[in-house]
Amino acid sequence: MRVIHTSDWHLGRTFHGHSTDAHLELVLSALVAQVTEHGVDAVVVAGDVFDSSTPKAEAFTMLNRVIAEIRAAGAEVVLTSGNHDGPARLGHMAGFAAFGGVHIRTDLARLAEPVLLEDAHGPVAIYGLPYIHPEFLRATFADFTGSTHEHALSFAMGLVRDDATARRAGSPTLRTVVASHCFAAGVEATTEDSGRTEERDITRGGLNLVPIEVFAGVDYVALGHIHGRQTLSESVRYSGAPLRFSFGERSSAKGVWLVELDQAGLALVEWLELPTPRAAVRIEGTLDELLTEDAHPEAVDAWVEAILTDDQLPREAMRRLQTRYPHAVTLAHRPATRHDHGEATYATRVEGKSDSLVIDEFLAFVRNGQGPTAEETALLHEALEAIDAKESLR
């Protein structure tokens, strides 16, 4: 049996305020093509189908269209809710959808209820675990008293293993797949440009660390939540998001895992690349440098994060940048010349200095080296004299 492992579609998300809908449509269409090309039997989406618990209508329309295309390509679909999804909204009509080969798992009471598929070797049980918050699990199961996500996933996996054991009594060749949306131990929190994955906030959503040993006894574990591809063990992996949703992901590969199960269990895991509709690029320099004709040709059609090193932030910097880089969406000002006062206190730095000198140094500091102009100096001198005159009358 062949299964595609994907996650974190985040339908409806924007890239710094700009819609990603058209790009996500292109990428998910490529995923559908992979289903056809590789004869995939099931597509597992491990949480964060939507970017919001109240997704816009267009996000539902896109989801319906993509799922219909996957089903037309011959694969069943297993969707689980992540910490971004609204379980009730995503799971609405789940019972009806199951008749069409679309299996939505958002109900904590159904943790041990797998989607059962068949191949030449017998049954494959896919357990779709929705995002499990310990508080909600306590409300669902009276015998669960834990308080962490490790406790919650351990409890859920206990139910899964008990169910799988019972099923193997009648089907010894049963193979098992678990989909879970969590933050697993062993994930690399790396710096940018390392060729690996940088997350904006690797524990975003309040997810606690879950040791991968919690998932022992399963043929394959399809994880979601981390937006970059990660391999925690041969059988425990993150697929990452199919599209770049932040500049922190600009180095991470985008794609899906193709998982093949044979009679004995996990036989093969292969990475399938997905297209990148628009790259994410960081450029740095003075505004004049960035606007030269041959500067950063790779950024002209990319999402651009610009860092300006001018001593003073130029007027209308973003508008001028966008004349060359139309998809520039963020701008930071980090002057090359910086003033370091060490550990000296303000009182120490101004001790013995005249008021005019203190003002001159302050202006130079906030302007990165440029003090007051002659006109400003005259105005300041006039103001200080007026203050002195007023003080002398008291």
Protein backbone atom coordinates (compact mmCIF):
# COMPACT_ATOMS: atom_id res chain seq x y z
CA MET A 1 0.00 0.00 0.00
CA ARG A 2 1.18 3.52 -0.80
CA VAL A 3 0.37 6.48 1.43
CA ILE A 4 1.22 10.15 0.96
CA HIS A 5 2.02 11.94 4.21
CA THR A 6 1.39 15.69 4.17
CA SER A 7 0.35 18.29 6.76
CA ASP A 8 -0.07 21.96 7.60
CA TRP A 9 -1.90 23.12 4.50
CA HIS A 10 -3.06 26.24 6.37
CA LEU A 11 -5.76 27.01 3.82
CA GLY A 12 -6.61 30.71 3.97
CA ARG A 13 -3.24 31.87 5.28
CA THR A 14 -1.54 35.01 4.01
CA PHE A 15 2.14 35.78 3.48
CA HIS A 16 2.68 39.09 5.27
CA GLY A 17 -0.81 40.18 4.30
CA HIS A 18 -0.73 38.80 0.74
CA SER A 19 -2.99 35.90 -0.25
CA THR A 20 -1.32 32.53 -0.84
CA ASP A 21 -4.44 30.94 -2.34
CA ALA A 22 -3.24 30.82 -5.95
CA HIS A 23 0.14 29.39 -4.95
CA LEU A 24 -1.41 26.78 -2.68
CA GLU A 25 -3.80 25.74 -5.47
CA LEU A 26 -0.80 25.12 -7.74
CA VAL A 27 1.10 23.13 -5.10
CA LEU A 28 -1.87 20.98 -4.11
CA SER A 29 -2.59 20.29 -7.77
CA ALA A 30 0.98 18.97 -8.01
CA LEU A 31 0.23 16.77 -4.98
CA VAL A 32 -2.78 15.35 -6.80
CA ALA A 33 -0.53 14.61 -9.78
CA GLN A 34 1.79 12.67 -7.45
CA VAL A 35 -1.18 10.59 -6.30
CA THR A 36 -1.86 9.59 -9.90
CA GLU A 37 1.79 9.07 -10.88
CA HIS A 38 2.64 6.83 -7.93
CA GLY A 39 -0.62 4.94 -7.60
CA VAL A 40 -1.25 6.23 -4.09
CA ASP A 41 -3.95 4.52 -2.01
CA ALA A 42 -4.38 7.12 0.74
CA VAL A 43 -3.45 10.73 1.47
CA VAL A 44 -2.98 11.54 5.16
CA VAL A 45 -3.12 15.22 6.20
CA ALA A 46 -1.72 15.48 9.74
CA GLY A 47 -3.47 18.58 11.05
CA ASP A 48 -3.76 22.32 10.43
CA VAL A 49 -5.88 21.86 7.34
CA PHE A 50 -7.07 25.44 7.80
CA ASP A 51 -5.15 28.41 9.17
CA SER A 52 -8.04 29.52 11.34
CA SER A 53 -10.79 27.99 13.41
CA THR A 54 -13.16 30.19 11.39
CA PRO A 55 -11.85 29.83 7.82
CA LYS A 56 -13.16 31.95 5.00
CA ALA A 57 -15.55 30.46 2.45
CA GLU A 58 -12.82 30.37 -0.21
CA ALA A 59 -10.75 28.05 2.00
CA PHE A 60 -13.61 25.55 2.18
CA THR A 61 -14.06 25.79 -1.57
CA MET A 62 -10.39 25.03 -2.16
CA LEU A 63 -10.44 22.10 0.28
CA ASN A 64 -13.50 20.59 -1.37
CA ARG A 65 -11.94 20.92 -4.82
CA VAL A 66 -8.59 19.37 -3.81
CA ILE A 67 -10.23 16.48 -1.96
CA ALA A 68 -12.47 15.78 -4.95
CA GLU A 69 -9.40 15.68 -7.20
CA ILE A 70 -7.58 13.31 -4.83
CA ARG A 71 -10.57 11.00 -4.73
CA ALA A 72 -10.87 11.13 -8.52
CA ALA A 73 -7.19 10.12 -8.69
CA GLY A 74 -8.06 6.97 -6.73
CA ALA A 75 -6.88 7.69 -3.17
CA GLU A 76 -8.83 7.81 0.07
CA VAL A 77 -8.28 10.85 2.28
CA VAL A 78 -7.65 11.01 6.04
CA LEU A 79 -7.78 14.50 7.58
CA THR A 80 -7.07 15.34 11.22
CA SER A 81 -7.51 18.64 13.03
CA GLY A 82 -4.49 20.61 14.26
CA ASN A 83 -4.17 23.39 16.81
CA HIS A 84 -5.17 25.97 14.16
CA ASP A 85 -8.33 24.14 13.10
CA GLY A 86 -11.76 24.40 14.63
CA PRO A 87 -12.55 20.71 15.24
CA ALA A 88 -16.34 21.15 15.14
CA ARG A 89 -16.23 23.12 11.90
CA LEU A 90 -13.71 20.82 10.17
CA GLY A 91 -15.51 17.72 11.42
CA HIS A 92 -18.97 18.88 10.38
CA MET A 93 -20.58 16.19 8.19
CA ALA A 94 -17.64 13.83 8.83
CA GLY A 95 -19.96 10.83 8.98
CA PHE A 96 -21.44 11.71 5.60
CA ALA A 97 -17.99 12.39 4.06
CA ALA A 98 -16.77 8.93 5.10
CA PHE A 99 -19.20 7.35 2.63
CA GLY A 100 -17.24 9.11 -0.10
CA GLY A 101 -13.84 7.93 1.09
CA VAL A 102 -12.98 11.11 3.02
CA HIS A 103 -12.26 10.36 6.68
CA ILE A 104 -12.15 13.36 9.04
CA ARG A 105 -10.85 12.79 12.56
CA THR A 106 -11.60 15.62 14.99
CA ASP A 107 -13.44 13.78 17.78
CA LEU A 108 -11.32 12.79 20.79
CA ALA A 109 -13.80 10.06 21.66
CA ARG A 110 -12.81 8.24 18.43
CA LEU A 111 -9.04 8.08 19.01
CA ALA A 112 -8.97 4.28 18.73
CA GLU A 113 -11.25 4.11 15.70
CA PRO A 114 -9.03 3.63 12.64
CA VAL A 115 -9.71 4.09 8.96
CA LEU A 116 -9.41 0.53 7.63
CA LEU A 117 -8.02 -0.01 4.13
CA GLU A 118 -7.11 -3.25 2.36
CA ASP A 119 -4.28 -4.29 0.06
CA ALA A 120 -3.06 -7.66 -1.21
CA HIS A 121 -1.50 -8.44 2.17
CA GLY A 122 -4.51 -7.62 4.33
CA PRO A 123 -5.73 -4.62 6.35
CA VAL A 124 -3.98 -1.32 7.05
CA ALA A 125 -5.31 0.68 10.00
CA ILE A 126 -4.78 4.45 9.84
CA TYR A 127 -5.38 6.12 13.20
CA GLY A 128 -5.97 9.85 12.74
CA LEU A 129 -5.32 11.58 16.05
CA PRO A 130 -6.62 15.15 16.21
CA TYR A 131 -4.66 17.75 18.17
CA ILE A 132 -4.98 16.53 21.75
CA HIS A 133 -5.06 19.12 24.51
CA PRO A 134 -4.78 17.46 27.96
CA GLU A 135 -7.67 19.50 29.37
CA PHE A 136 -10.03 18.40 26.60
CA LEU A 137 -8.88 14.80 26.95
CA ARG A 138 -9.70 14.87 30.69
CA ALA A 139 -13.19 16.05 29.80
CA THR A 140 -13.60 13.15 27.36
CA PHE A 141 -12.07 10.26 29.33
CA ALA A 142 -12.74 10.01 33.06
CA ASP A 143 -9.71 7.73 33.54
CA PHE A 144 -7.25 10.26 32.05
CA THR A 145 -5.70 12.47 34.74
CA GLY A 146 -2.59 13.75 32.96
CA SER A 147 -1.64 17.40 32.46
CA THR A 148 0.93 17.46 29.65
CA HIS A 149 0.90 16.66 25.96
CA GLU A 150 3.24 13.74 26.62
CA HIS A 151 0.64 12.35 29.03
CA ALA A 152 -2.14 12.95 26.51
CA LEU A 153 -0.35 11.32 23.56
CA SER A 154 0.74 8.40 25.76
CA PHE A 155 -2.87 7.82 26.74
CA ALA A 156 -4.05 8.07 23.12
CA MET A 157 -1.37 5.71 21.89
CA GLY A 158 -2.31 3.24 24.60
CA LEU A 159 -5.82 3.15 23.17
CA VAL A 160 -4.40 2.77 19.64
CA ARG A 161 -2.11 -0.12 20.59
CA ASP A 162 -4.93 -1.90 22.46
CA ASP A 163 -7.18 -1.60 19.41
CA ALA A 164 -4.46 -2.77 17.02
CA THR A 165 -3.66 -5.77 19.24
CA ALA A 166 -7.30 -6.80 19.27
CA ARG A 167 -7.55 -6.51 15.49
CA ARG A 168 -4.39 -8.56 14.95
CA ALA A 169 -6.07 -11.48 16.67
CA GLY A 170 -8.17 -11.85 13.53
CA SER A 171 -5.77 -10.26 11.02
CA PRO A 172 -2.12 -11.10 11.83
CA THR A 173 -0.81 -9.02 8.90
CA LEU A 174 -2.44 -5.78 10.12
CA ARG A 175 -0.18 -2.77 9.48
CA THR A 176 -0.62 0.52 11.37
CA VAL A 177 -0.18 4.21 10.54
CA VAL A 178 -0.72 7.03 13.05
CA ALA A 179 -1.20 10.70 12.17
CA SER A 180 -0.54 13.16 15.00
CA HIS A 181 -0.22 16.93 15.28
CA CYS A 182 2.32 17.65 18.00
CA PHE A 183 5.79 18.94 18.83
CA ALA A 184 7.97 15.83 19.06
CA ALA A 185 11.34 15.57 20.78
CA GLY A 186 14.28 15.66 18.43
CA VAL A 187 13.01 18.44 16.16
CA GLU A 188 15.84 20.72 15.11
CA ALA A 189 15.36 24.40 15.93
CA THR A 190 17.96 25.76 13.56
CA THR A 191 19.10 29.15 12.41
CA GLU A 192 18.34 30.67 9.05
CA ASP A 193 20.37 29.86 5.99
CA SER A 194 21.58 26.62 7.53
CA GLY A 195 19.93 24.58 4.81
CA ARG A 196 17.59 23.11 7.39
CA THR A 197 14.45 24.47 9.03
CA GLU A 198 13.84 27.68 10.87
CA GLU A 199 10.45 28.03 12.53
CA ARG A 200 8.99 31.35 13.57
CA ASP A 201 8.06 29.79 16.89
CA ILE A 202 8.75 26.10 17.09
CA THR A 203 6.33 25.59 20.00
CA ARG A 204 3.64 27.90 18.65
CA GLY A 205 0.16 27.01 19.84
CA GLY A 206 1.23 25.86 23.32
CA LEU A 207 2.29 22.38 22.25
CA ASN A 208 4.56 20.59 24.73
CA LEU A 209 7.41 18.23 23.98
CA VAL A 210 6.42 14.62 23.19
CA PRO A 211 9.15 11.92 23.14
CA ILE A 212 9.02 9.83 19.97
CA GLU A 213 9.07 6.69 22.13
CA VAL A 214 5.41 7.47 22.82
CA PHE A 215 4.69 6.27 19.25
CA ALA A 216 6.43 2.89 19.61
CA GLY A 217 4.82 -0.14 18.02
CA VAL A 218 3.48 1.61 14.91
CA ASP A 219 4.70 0.96 11.37
CA TYR A 220 4.69 4.65 10.40
CA VAL A 221 3.97 7.93 12.24
CA ALA A 222 2.90 10.91 10.11
CA LEU A 223 3.52 14.06 12.14
CA GLY A 224 2.27 17.59 11.61
CA HIS A 225 2.91 21.03 13.20
CA ILE A 226 6.53 21.71 12.18
CA HIS A 227 6.65 23.48 8.81
CA GLY A 228 9.92 21.97 7.61
CA ARG A 229 10.70 18.37 6.64
CA GLN A 230 12.21 16.41 9.54
CA THR A 231 13.16 12.76 10.03
CA LEU A 232 13.15 11.82 13.72
CA SER A 233 13.55 8.10 13.00
CA GLU A 234 13.02 5.87 9.99
CA SER A 235 9.33 5.56 10.84
CA VAL A 236 8.61 8.91 12.57
CA ARG A 237 8.68 11.98 10.33
CA TYR A 238 7.36 15.47 9.70
CA SER A 239 6.41 16.28 6.12
CA GLY A 240 6.33 20.02 6.77
CA ALA A 241 4.00 22.49 5.10
CA PRO A 242 3.67 22.24 1.29
CA LEU A 243 4.18 25.99 0.87
CA ARG A 244 6.46 28.60 2.43
CA PHE A 245 4.46 30.68 4.87
CA SER A 246 7.30 32.77 6.34
CA PHE A 247 10.83 33.93 5.56
CA GLY A 248 12.03 31.54 8.27
CA GLU A 249 11.12 28.67 5.93
CA ARG A 250 13.00 29.95 2.91
CA SER A 251 15.69 27.24 3.16
CA SER A 252 13.43 24.28 3.85
CA ALA A 253 12.50 21.76 1.15
CA LYS A 254 8.81 21.55 0.31
CA GLY A 255 7.15 18.28 -0.59
CA VAL A 256 5.50 15.15 0.80
CA TRP A 257 6.59 11.74 2.01
CA LEU A 258 5.59 8.72 -0.08
CA VAL A 259 5.26 5.80 2.34
CA GLU A 260 5.09 2.22 1.10
CA LEU A 261 3.90 -0.66 3.30
CA ASP A 262 4.47 -4.30 2.44
CA GLN A 263 3.41 -7.48 4.22
CA ALA A 264 6.00 -7.01 6.98
CA GLY A 265 5.32 -3.30 7.62
CA LEU A 266 7.27 -0.23 6.52
CA ALA A 267 9.09 -0.99 3.26
CA LEU A 268 10.07 2.39 1.81
CA VAL A 269 9.85 6.14 2.49
CA GLU A 270 10.61 8.48 -0.40
CA TRP A 271 10.61 12.28 -0.57
CA LEU A 272 8.58 13.81 -3.41
CA GLU A 273 9.34 17.45 -4.23
CA LEU A 274 6.56 19.97 -4.76
CA PRO A 275 6.94 23.13 -6.87
CA THR A 276 7.82 26.51 -5.34
CA PRO A 277 5.53 29.08 -6.95
CA ARG A 278 7.48 31.98 -5.45
CA ALA A 279 10.78 31.85 -3.60
CA ALA A 280 11.37 33.77 -0.35
CA VAL A 281 14.57 35.84 -0.38
CA ARG A 282 16.36 38.13 2.06
CA ILE A 283 18.41 40.98 0.60
CA GLU A 284 20.63 43.42 2.48
CA GLY A 285 22.44 46.64 1.63
CA THR A 286 21.89 50.35 1.18
CA LEU A 287 18.85 51.37 -0.81
CA ASP A 288 21.02 52.59 -3.70
CA GLU A 289 22.90 49.28 -3.76
CA LEU A 290 19.68 47.25 -3.83
CA LEU A 291 18.24 49.36 -6.63
CA THR A 292 21.16 48.98 -9.03
CA GLU A 293 20.25 47.29 -12.29
CA ASP A 294 22.18 44.06 -11.65
CA ALA A 295 21.42 43.70 -7.92
CA HIS A 296 19.83 40.44 -6.75
CA PRO A 297 18.19 39.17 -9.94
CA GLU A 298 16.97 36.13 -7.97
CA ALA A 299 14.77 38.43 -5.86
CA VAL A 300 12.94 40.24 -8.64
CA ASP A 301 10.06 37.71 -8.75
CA ALA A 302 10.40 36.47 -5.14
CA TRP A 303 8.88 37.40 -1.82
CA VAL A 304 11.47 39.84 -0.48
CA GLU A 305 12.57 40.68 3.03
CA ALA A 306 14.79 43.76 2.72
CA ILE A 307 17.32 44.95 5.29
CA LEU A 308 18.55 48.49 4.66
CA THR A 309 21.96 49.47 6.03
CA ASP A 310 21.76 53.20 5.21
CA ASP A 311 22.77 55.45 8.13
CA GLN A 312 19.35 57.06 7.87
CA LEU A 313 16.21 55.35 6.65
CA PRO A 314 15.55 56.79 3.17
CA ARG A 315 12.21 58.40 2.45
CA GLU A 316 9.62 56.15 0.80
CA ALA A 317 12.07 53.24 1.01
CA MET A 318 9.48 50.49 0.55
CA ARG A 319 7.80 52.19 -2.40
CA ARG A 320 11.16 52.62 -4.11
CA LEU A 321 12.16 49.01 -3.38
CA GLN A 322 8.94 47.75 -4.93
CA THR A 323 9.78 49.42 -8.23
CA ARG A 324 12.46 46.73 -8.63
CA TYR A 325 11.13 44.03 -6.28
CA PRO A 326 7.32 44.14 -6.67
CA HIS A 327 6.84 41.41 -4.04
CA ALA A 328 8.88 43.10 -1.30
CA VAL A 329 6.71 42.68 1.79
CA THR A 330 8.91 43.49 4.79
CA LEU A 331 11.60 46.07 5.47
CA ALA A 332 13.99 46.43 8.38
CA HIS A 333 16.46 49.25 9.05
CA ARG A 334 19.80 48.07 10.46
CA PRO A 335 22.39 50.80 9.90
CA ALA A 336 25.96 49.72 9.29
CA THR A 337 27.14 52.44 11.73
CA ARG A 338 26.03 51.80 15.28
CA HIS A 339 26.93 53.49 18.55
CA ASP A 340 27.95 51.33 21.49
CA HIS A 341 28.04 52.99 24.91
CA GLY A 342 29.00 49.80 26.69
CA GLU A 343 27.77 49.64 30.30
CA ALA A 344 28.10 53.36 31.03
CA THR A 345 24.99 54.92 32.57
CA TYR A 346 23.28 57.92 31.03
CA ALA A 347 24.33 60.08 33.99
CA THR A 348 27.96 59.10 33.45
CA ARG A 349 27.80 59.84 29.73
CA VAL A 350 26.40 63.36 30.17
CA GLU A 351 28.43 64.35 33.25
CA GLY A 352 30.24 67.67 32.68
CA LYS A 353 28.74 68.28 29.24
CA SER A 354 26.82 71.36 28.20
CA ASP A 355 23.17 71.15 27.24
CA SER A 356 23.98 71.92 23.61
CA LEU A 357 26.58 69.14 23.48
CA VAL A 358 24.17 66.63 25.03
CA ILE A 359 21.55 67.53 22.40
CA ASP A 360 24.10 67.31 19.59
CA GLU A 361 25.22 63.84 20.73
CA PHE A 362 21.62 62.68 21.13
CA LEU A 363 20.73 63.72 17.59
CA ALA A 364 23.87 62.04 16.27
CA PHE A 365 22.91 58.85 18.11
CA VAL A 366 19.32 58.64 16.83
CA ARG A 367 20.46 59.64 13.33
CA ASN A 368 23.36 57.20 13.23
CA GLY A 369 26.15 59.75 13.13
CA GLN A 370 24.48 62.79 11.65
CA GLY A 371 24.28 65.67 14.12
CA PRO A 372 22.15 68.82 13.82
CA THR A 373 22.33 70.98 10.72
CA ALA A 374 23.44 74.62 10.95
CA GLU A 375 19.80 75.72 10.89
CA GLU A 376 18.90 73.26 13.64
CA THR A 377 21.90 74.38 15.71
CA ALA A 378 20.74 77.98 15.50
CA LEU A 379 17.21 77.04 16.57
CA LEU A 380 18.52 74.94 19.47
CA HIS A 381 20.85 77.72 20.57
CA GLU A 382 17.93 80.17 20.50
CA ALA A 383 15.74 77.80 22.53
CA LEU A 384 18.45 77.18 25.13
CA GLU A 385 19.04 80.92 25.53
CA ALA A 386 15.31 81.44 26.06
CA ILE A 387 15.28 78.78 28.75
CA ASP A 388 18.33 80.34 30.44
CA ALA A 389 16.67 83.76 30.36
CA LYS A 390 13.50 82.38 31.91
CA GLU A 391 15.46 80.55 34.61
CA SER A 392 17.38 83.75 35.51
CA LEU A 393 14.11 85.58 36.27
CA ARG A 394 13.08 83.08 38.93
